[in-house]
Amino acid sequence: MSKEKSELLQGTLDMLILKALQLEPMHGFGLSVRLRQLSNGVFQVEMGSLYPALCRLEAKKWVKAKWGVSENNRRARYYELTPAGRKQLEAEATEWALLSSTITAMLRATSPSV
């Protein structure tokens, strides 16, 4: 799979943002960098996708935001996970594990089992 061509499955971006924010609160650009790091460069989330997702998560009360100063001495909005966001992350991670293990098993199947 080409790193430049990899795209997130619909619905997974929110889960990955929640996971990154579980590690520590951060601003949007830092979050984009963290997602790229966590995926070993496979996923590169553009700001045009990231900020609408953060707004969605904030509206659902899974993250909260406050203004702060970045490491470059610039005003930045910092996002952090809420207790409801932690609960949502746990639920989504459990569902993802079941889904991905099922798909992996299906792809490894060598003959029909009837």
N, C-alpha and C. Protein backbone atom coordinates (compact mmCIF):
# COMPACT_ATOMS: atom_id res chain seq x y z
N MET A 1 0.85 -1.17 0.00
CA MET A 1 0.00 0.00 0.00
C MET A 1 0.89 1.23 0.00
N SER A 2 0.66 2.11 -0.91
CA SER A 2 1.44 3.33 -1.02
C SER A 2 1.08 4.29 0.10
N LYS A 3 2.10 4.83 0.75
CA LYS A 3 1.84 5.77 1.85
C LYS A 3 1.10 7.00 1.37
N GLU A 4 1.41 7.47 0.15
CA GLU A 4 0.74 8.66 -0.37
C GLU A 4 -0.73 8.40 -0.68
N LYS A 5 -1.09 7.17 -0.98
CA LYS A 5 -2.44 6.84 -1.40
C LYS A 5 -3.32 6.36 -0.25
N SER A 6 -2.77 6.12 0.91
CA SER A 6 -3.56 5.58 2.02
C SER A 6 -4.57 6.59 2.51
N GLU A 7 -5.78 6.13 2.67
CA GLU A 7 -6.85 6.99 3.19
C GLU A 7 -7.48 6.30 4.38
N LEU A 8 -7.96 7.10 5.31
CA LEU A 8 -8.65 6.53 6.47
C LEU A 8 -10.02 6.04 6.05
N LEU A 9 -10.41 4.90 6.58
CA LEU A 9 -11.76 4.44 6.37
C LEU A 9 -12.72 5.43 7.00
N GLN A 10 -13.87 5.60 6.35
CA GLN A 10 -14.86 6.53 6.89
C GLN A 10 -15.21 6.11 8.32
N GLY A 11 -15.21 7.04 9.22
CA GLY A 11 -15.56 6.75 10.60
C GLY A 11 -14.38 6.44 11.51
N THR A 12 -13.21 6.21 10.96
CA THR A 12 -12.07 5.87 11.81
C THR A 12 -11.31 7.11 12.29
N LEU A 13 -11.43 8.22 11.58
CA LEU A 13 -10.69 9.42 11.97
C LEU A 13 -11.05 9.86 13.38
N ASP A 14 -12.34 9.85 13.70
CA ASP A 14 -12.76 10.26 15.04
C ASP A 14 -12.10 9.38 16.10
N MET A 15 -12.09 8.08 15.88
CA MET A 15 -11.50 7.15 16.84
C MET A 15 -9.99 7.42 17.00
N LEU A 16 -9.31 7.67 15.90
CA LEU A 16 -7.87 7.93 15.96
C LEU A 16 -7.56 9.25 16.65
N ILE A 17 -8.40 10.25 16.46
CA ILE A 17 -8.23 11.53 17.15
C ILE A 17 -8.40 11.31 18.65
N LEU A 18 -9.45 10.57 19.03
CA LEU A 18 -9.67 10.29 20.45
C LEU A 18 -8.47 9.57 21.05
N LYS A 19 -7.90 8.62 20.31
CA LYS A 19 -6.74 7.87 20.81
C LYS A 19 -5.55 8.80 21.00
N ALA A 20 -5.29 9.65 20.02
CA ALA A 20 -4.16 10.58 20.13
C ALA A 20 -4.34 11.52 21.32
N LEU A 21 -5.57 11.98 21.55
CA LEU A 21 -5.82 12.89 22.67
C LEU A 21 -5.81 12.16 24.00
N GLN A 22 -5.97 10.86 23.99
CA GLN A 22 -5.86 10.08 25.23
C GLN A 22 -4.42 10.17 25.75
N LEU A 23 -3.48 10.30 24.86
CA LEU A 23 -2.07 10.38 25.24
C LEU A 23 -1.75 11.71 25.91
N GLU A 24 -2.28 12.80 25.36
CA GLU A 24 -2.08 14.13 25.93
C GLU A 24 -2.90 15.16 25.17
N PRO A 25 -3.30 16.25 25.83
CA PRO A 25 -3.99 17.33 25.12
C PRO A 25 -3.03 17.96 24.11
N MET A 26 -3.57 18.42 22.99
CA MET A 26 -2.72 19.08 21.99
C MET A 26 -3.55 19.95 21.06
N HIS A 27 -2.84 20.83 20.35
CA HIS A 27 -3.49 21.70 19.38
C HIS A 27 -3.61 20.97 18.04
N GLY A 28 -4.36 21.55 17.13
CA GLY A 28 -4.66 20.90 15.86
C GLY A 28 -3.45 20.46 15.07
N PHE A 29 -2.48 21.35 14.88
CA PHE A 29 -1.31 20.98 14.10
C PHE A 29 -0.53 19.86 14.79
N GLY A 30 -0.39 19.96 16.10
CA GLY A 30 0.29 18.91 16.86
C GLY A 30 -0.43 17.58 16.73
N LEU A 31 -1.74 17.64 16.70
CA LEU A 31 -2.55 16.43 16.55
C LEU A 31 -2.32 15.80 15.17
N SER A 32 -2.24 16.61 14.15
CA SER A 32 -1.95 16.12 12.80
C SER A 32 -0.59 15.41 12.77
N VAL A 33 0.39 16.02 13.40
CA VAL A 33 1.73 15.43 13.46
C VAL A 33 1.69 14.11 14.24
N ARG A 34 0.98 14.10 15.37
CA ARG A 34 0.90 12.89 16.20
C ARG A 34 0.24 11.74 15.43
N LEU A 35 -0.82 12.03 14.69
CA LEU A 35 -1.49 10.98 13.92
C LEU A 35 -0.55 10.39 12.86
N ARG A 36 0.24 11.26 12.25
CA ARG A 36 1.22 10.79 11.26
C ARG A 36 2.27 9.92 11.95
N GLN A 37 2.72 10.34 13.14
CA GLN A 37 3.71 9.55 13.89
C GLN A 37 3.16 8.20 14.31
N LEU A 38 1.95 8.19 14.85
CA LEU A 38 1.35 6.95 15.33
C LEU A 38 1.13 5.94 14.20
N SER A 39 0.94 6.45 12.98
CA SER A 39 0.72 5.56 11.83
C SER A 39 2.01 5.31 11.04
N ASN A 40 3.15 5.70 11.60
CA ASN A 40 4.43 5.57 10.90
C ASN A 40 4.40 6.23 9.52
N GLY A 41 3.71 7.35 9.45
CA GLY A 41 3.66 8.13 8.21
C GLY A 41 2.64 7.66 7.19
N VAL A 42 1.87 6.63 7.50
CA VAL A 42 0.91 6.11 6.54
C VAL A 42 -0.27 7.07 6.38
N PHE A 43 -0.78 7.60 7.50
CA PHE A 43 -1.91 8.52 7.43
C PHE A 43 -1.43 9.95 7.60
N GLN A 44 -1.81 10.79 6.66
CA GLN A 44 -1.49 12.20 6.74
C GLN A 44 -2.82 12.95 6.71
N VAL A 45 -3.26 13.37 7.86
CA VAL A 45 -4.57 14.01 7.99
C VAL A 45 -4.44 15.49 7.69
N GLU A 46 -5.15 15.93 6.68
CA GLU A 46 -5.11 17.34 6.29
C GLU A 46 -5.98 18.16 7.23
N MET A 47 -5.63 19.43 7.39
CA MET A 47 -6.38 20.32 8.27
C MET A 47 -7.84 20.42 7.85
N GLY A 48 -8.11 20.32 6.57
CA GLY A 48 -9.48 20.39 6.07
C GLY A 48 -10.34 19.21 6.52
N SER A 49 -9.72 18.13 6.93
CA SER A 49 -10.44 16.98 7.49
C SER A 49 -10.38 16.99 9.01
N LEU A 50 -9.26 17.44 9.55
CA LEU A 50 -9.04 17.39 10.99
C LEU A 50 -9.96 18.35 11.75
N TYR A 51 -10.02 19.60 11.33
CA TYR A 51 -10.80 20.57 12.09
C TYR A 51 -12.29 20.29 12.09
N PRO A 52 -12.90 19.88 10.97
CA PRO A 52 -14.32 19.50 11.05
C PRO A 52 -14.54 18.31 11.99
N ALA A 53 -13.60 17.37 12.01
CA ALA A 53 -13.71 16.22 12.92
C ALA A 53 -13.62 16.69 14.37
N LEU A 54 -12.71 17.61 14.67
CA LEU A 54 -12.60 18.14 16.03
C LEU A 54 -13.88 18.87 16.44
N CYS A 55 -14.47 19.61 15.53
CA CYS A 55 -15.74 20.30 15.82
C CYS A 55 -16.85 19.29 16.09
N ARG A 56 -16.87 18.21 15.32
CA ARG A 56 -17.86 17.14 15.52
C ARG A 56 -17.70 16.51 16.90
N LEU A 57 -16.46 16.22 17.26
CA LEU A 57 -16.17 15.59 18.55
C LEU A 57 -16.49 16.54 19.71
N GLU A 58 -16.24 17.82 19.50
CA GLU A 58 -16.55 18.80 20.53
C GLU A 58 -18.07 18.93 20.70
N ALA A 59 -18.81 18.90 19.61
CA ALA A 59 -20.27 18.98 19.67
C ALA A 59 -20.87 17.77 20.40
N LYS A 60 -20.21 16.63 20.28
CA LYS A 60 -20.67 15.41 20.96
C LYS A 60 -20.18 15.34 22.41
N LYS A 61 -19.40 16.34 22.81
CA LYS A 61 -18.85 16.43 24.17
C LYS A 61 -17.82 15.33 24.45
N TRP A 62 -17.16 14.84 23.41
CA TRP A 62 -16.12 13.83 23.57
C TRP A 62 -14.75 14.48 23.74
N VAL A 63 -14.63 15.73 23.29
CA VAL A 63 -13.42 16.53 23.53
C VAL A 63 -13.86 17.91 23.97
N LYS A 64 -12.97 18.59 24.67
CA LYS A 64 -13.21 19.99 25.00
C LYS A 64 -11.97 20.76 24.58
N ALA A 65 -12.16 22.04 24.32
CA ALA A 65 -11.07 22.87 23.83
C ALA A 65 -10.92 24.12 24.68
N LYS A 66 -9.69 24.57 24.77
CA LYS A 66 -9.42 25.85 25.43
C LYS A 66 -8.22 26.49 24.75
N TRP A 67 -8.16 27.79 24.84
CA TRP A 67 -7.06 28.54 24.21
C TRP A 67 -5.82 28.46 25.08
N GLY A 68 -4.68 28.36 24.42
CA GLY A 68 -3.41 28.34 25.10
C GLY A 68 -2.33 28.90 24.18
N VAL A 69 -1.09 28.75 24.58
CA VAL A 69 0.04 29.23 23.79
C VAL A 69 0.86 28.01 23.36
N SER A 70 1.14 27.95 22.06
CA SER A 70 1.89 26.81 21.51
C SER A 70 3.37 26.93 21.83
N GLU A 71 4.11 25.90 21.47
CA GLU A 71 5.56 25.91 21.68
C GLU A 71 6.26 26.98 20.85
N ASN A 72 5.55 27.53 19.84
CA ASN A 72 6.09 28.62 19.02
C ASN A 72 5.61 29.99 19.50
N ASN A 73 5.06 30.04 20.73
CA ASN A 73 4.53 31.28 21.30
C ASN A 73 3.38 31.86 20.51
N ARG A 74 2.58 30.99 19.91
CA ARG A 74 1.40 31.43 19.17
C ARG A 74 0.15 30.97 19.90
N ARG A 75 -0.87 31.74 19.76
CA ARG A 75 -2.16 31.37 20.35
C ARG A 75 -2.71 30.16 19.61
N ALA A 76 -3.12 29.14 20.35
CA ALA A 76 -3.62 27.91 19.73
C ALA A 76 -4.74 27.33 20.58
N ARG A 77 -5.61 26.64 19.92
CA ARG A 77 -6.72 25.97 20.61
C ARG A 77 -6.27 24.55 20.95
N TYR A 78 -6.26 24.22 22.23
CA TYR A 78 -5.83 22.90 22.70
C TYR A 78 -7.05 22.03 22.97
N TYR A 79 -6.99 20.80 22.50
CA TYR A 79 -8.09 19.85 22.65
C TYR A 79 -7.69 18.78 23.64
N GLU A 80 -8.67 18.34 24.45
CA GLU A 80 -8.40 17.25 25.37
C GLU A 80 -9.63 16.35 25.46
N LEU A 81 -9.38 15.11 25.80
CA LEU A 81 -10.43 14.11 25.91
C LEU A 81 -11.25 14.35 27.17
N THR A 82 -12.56 14.18 27.06
CA THR A 82 -13.44 14.27 28.22
C THR A 82 -13.71 12.85 28.73
N PRO A 83 -14.29 12.70 29.91
CA PRO A 83 -14.66 11.36 30.37
C PRO A 83 -15.58 10.63 29.38
N ALA A 84 -16.51 11.36 28.77
CA ALA A 84 -17.39 10.75 27.75
C ALA A 84 -16.58 10.31 26.54
N GLY A 85 -15.56 11.08 26.20
CA GLY A 85 -14.68 10.72 25.08
C GLY A 85 -13.88 9.47 25.37
N ARG A 86 -13.42 9.32 26.62
CA ARG A 86 -12.69 8.10 27.01
C ARG A 86 -13.59 6.88 26.88
N LYS A 87 -14.83 7.03 27.31
CA LYS A 87 -15.79 5.93 27.22
C LYS A 87 -16.07 5.58 25.76
N GLN A 88 -16.23 6.59 24.92
CA GLN A 88 -16.47 6.38 23.49
C GLN A 88 -15.28 5.70 22.84
N LEU A 89 -14.07 6.13 23.19
CA LEU A 89 -12.87 5.52 22.64
C LEU A 89 -12.81 4.04 22.99
N GLU A 90 -13.10 3.72 24.22
CA GLU A 90 -13.08 2.32 24.65
C GLU A 90 -14.09 1.49 23.85
N ALA A 91 -15.29 2.02 23.67
CA ALA A 91 -16.32 1.31 22.90
C ALA A 91 -15.90 1.13 21.44
N GLU A 92 -15.38 2.19 20.83
CA GLU A 92 -14.97 2.11 19.43
C GLU A 92 -13.77 1.19 19.25
N ALA A 93 -12.84 1.20 20.18
CA ALA A 93 -11.66 0.33 20.08
C ALA A 93 -12.07 -1.13 20.19
N THR A 94 -13.02 -1.43 21.06
CA THR A 94 -13.51 -2.80 21.20
C THR A 94 -14.19 -3.26 19.91
N GLU A 95 -15.03 -2.40 19.36
CA GLU A 95 -15.72 -2.74 18.11
C GLU A 95 -14.72 -2.89 16.96
N TRP A 96 -13.73 -1.99 16.89
CA TRP A 96 -12.72 -2.06 15.84
C TRP A 96 -11.93 -3.37 15.94
N ALA A 97 -11.56 -3.78 17.15
CA ALA A 97 -10.80 -5.02 17.33
C ALA A 97 -11.59 -6.21 16.81
N LEU A 98 -12.88 -6.28 17.11
CA LEU A 98 -13.73 -7.37 16.62
C LEU A 98 -13.83 -7.34 15.11
N LEU A 99 -14.10 -6.17 14.57
CA LEU A 99 -14.25 -6.02 13.13
C LEU A 99 -12.97 -6.38 12.39
N SER A 100 -11.84 -5.84 12.84
CA SER A 100 -10.59 -6.09 12.14
C SER A 100 -10.14 -7.55 12.26
N SER A 101 -10.36 -8.19 13.41
CA SER A 101 -9.98 -9.60 13.53
C SER A 101 -10.88 -10.48 12.67
N THR A 102 -12.14 -10.11 12.54
CA THR A 102 -13.05 -10.86 11.68
C THR A 102 -12.66 -10.73 10.22
N ILE A 103 -12.34 -9.53 9.79
CA ILE A 103 -11.93 -9.31 8.39
C ILE A 103 -10.62 -10.04 8.12
N THR A 104 -9.67 -9.99 9.06
CA THR A 104 -8.40 -10.70 8.88
C THR A 104 -8.64 -12.19 8.74
N ALA A 105 -9.49 -12.76 9.57
CA ALA A 105 -9.80 -14.18 9.49
C ALA A 105 -10.43 -14.52 8.14
N MET A 106 -11.31 -13.66 7.67
CA MET A 106 -11.95 -13.90 6.36
C MET A 106 -10.93 -13.86 5.24
N LEU A 107 -9.99 -12.93 5.30
CA LEU A 107 -8.98 -12.82 4.25
C LEU A 107 -7.99 -13.99 4.27
N ARG A 108 -7.82 -14.62 5.42
CA ARG A 108 -6.91 -15.75 5.53
C ARG A 108 -7.57 -17.09 5.19
N ALA A 109 -8.86 -17.06 5.00
CA ALA A 109 -9.58 -18.30 4.70
C ALA A 109 -9.08 -18.89 3.39
N THR A 110 -8.84 -20.20 3.41
CA THR A 110 -8.31 -20.87 2.22
C THR A 110 -9.35 -21.76 1.55
N SER A 111 -10.35 -22.20 2.28
CA SER A 111 -11.39 -23.00 1.67
C SER A 111 -12.69 -22.72 2.40
N PRO A 112 -13.79 -22.90 1.68
CA PRO A 112 -15.07 -22.63 2.33
C PRO A 112 -15.34 -23.65 3.44
N SER A 113 -15.79 -23.19 4.57
CA SER A 113 -16.17 -24.09 5.64
C SER A 113 -17.68 -24.07 5.75
N VAL A 114 -18.24 -25.20 5.48
CA VAL A 114 -19.70 -25.29 5.44
C VAL A 114 -20.19 -26.12 6.60
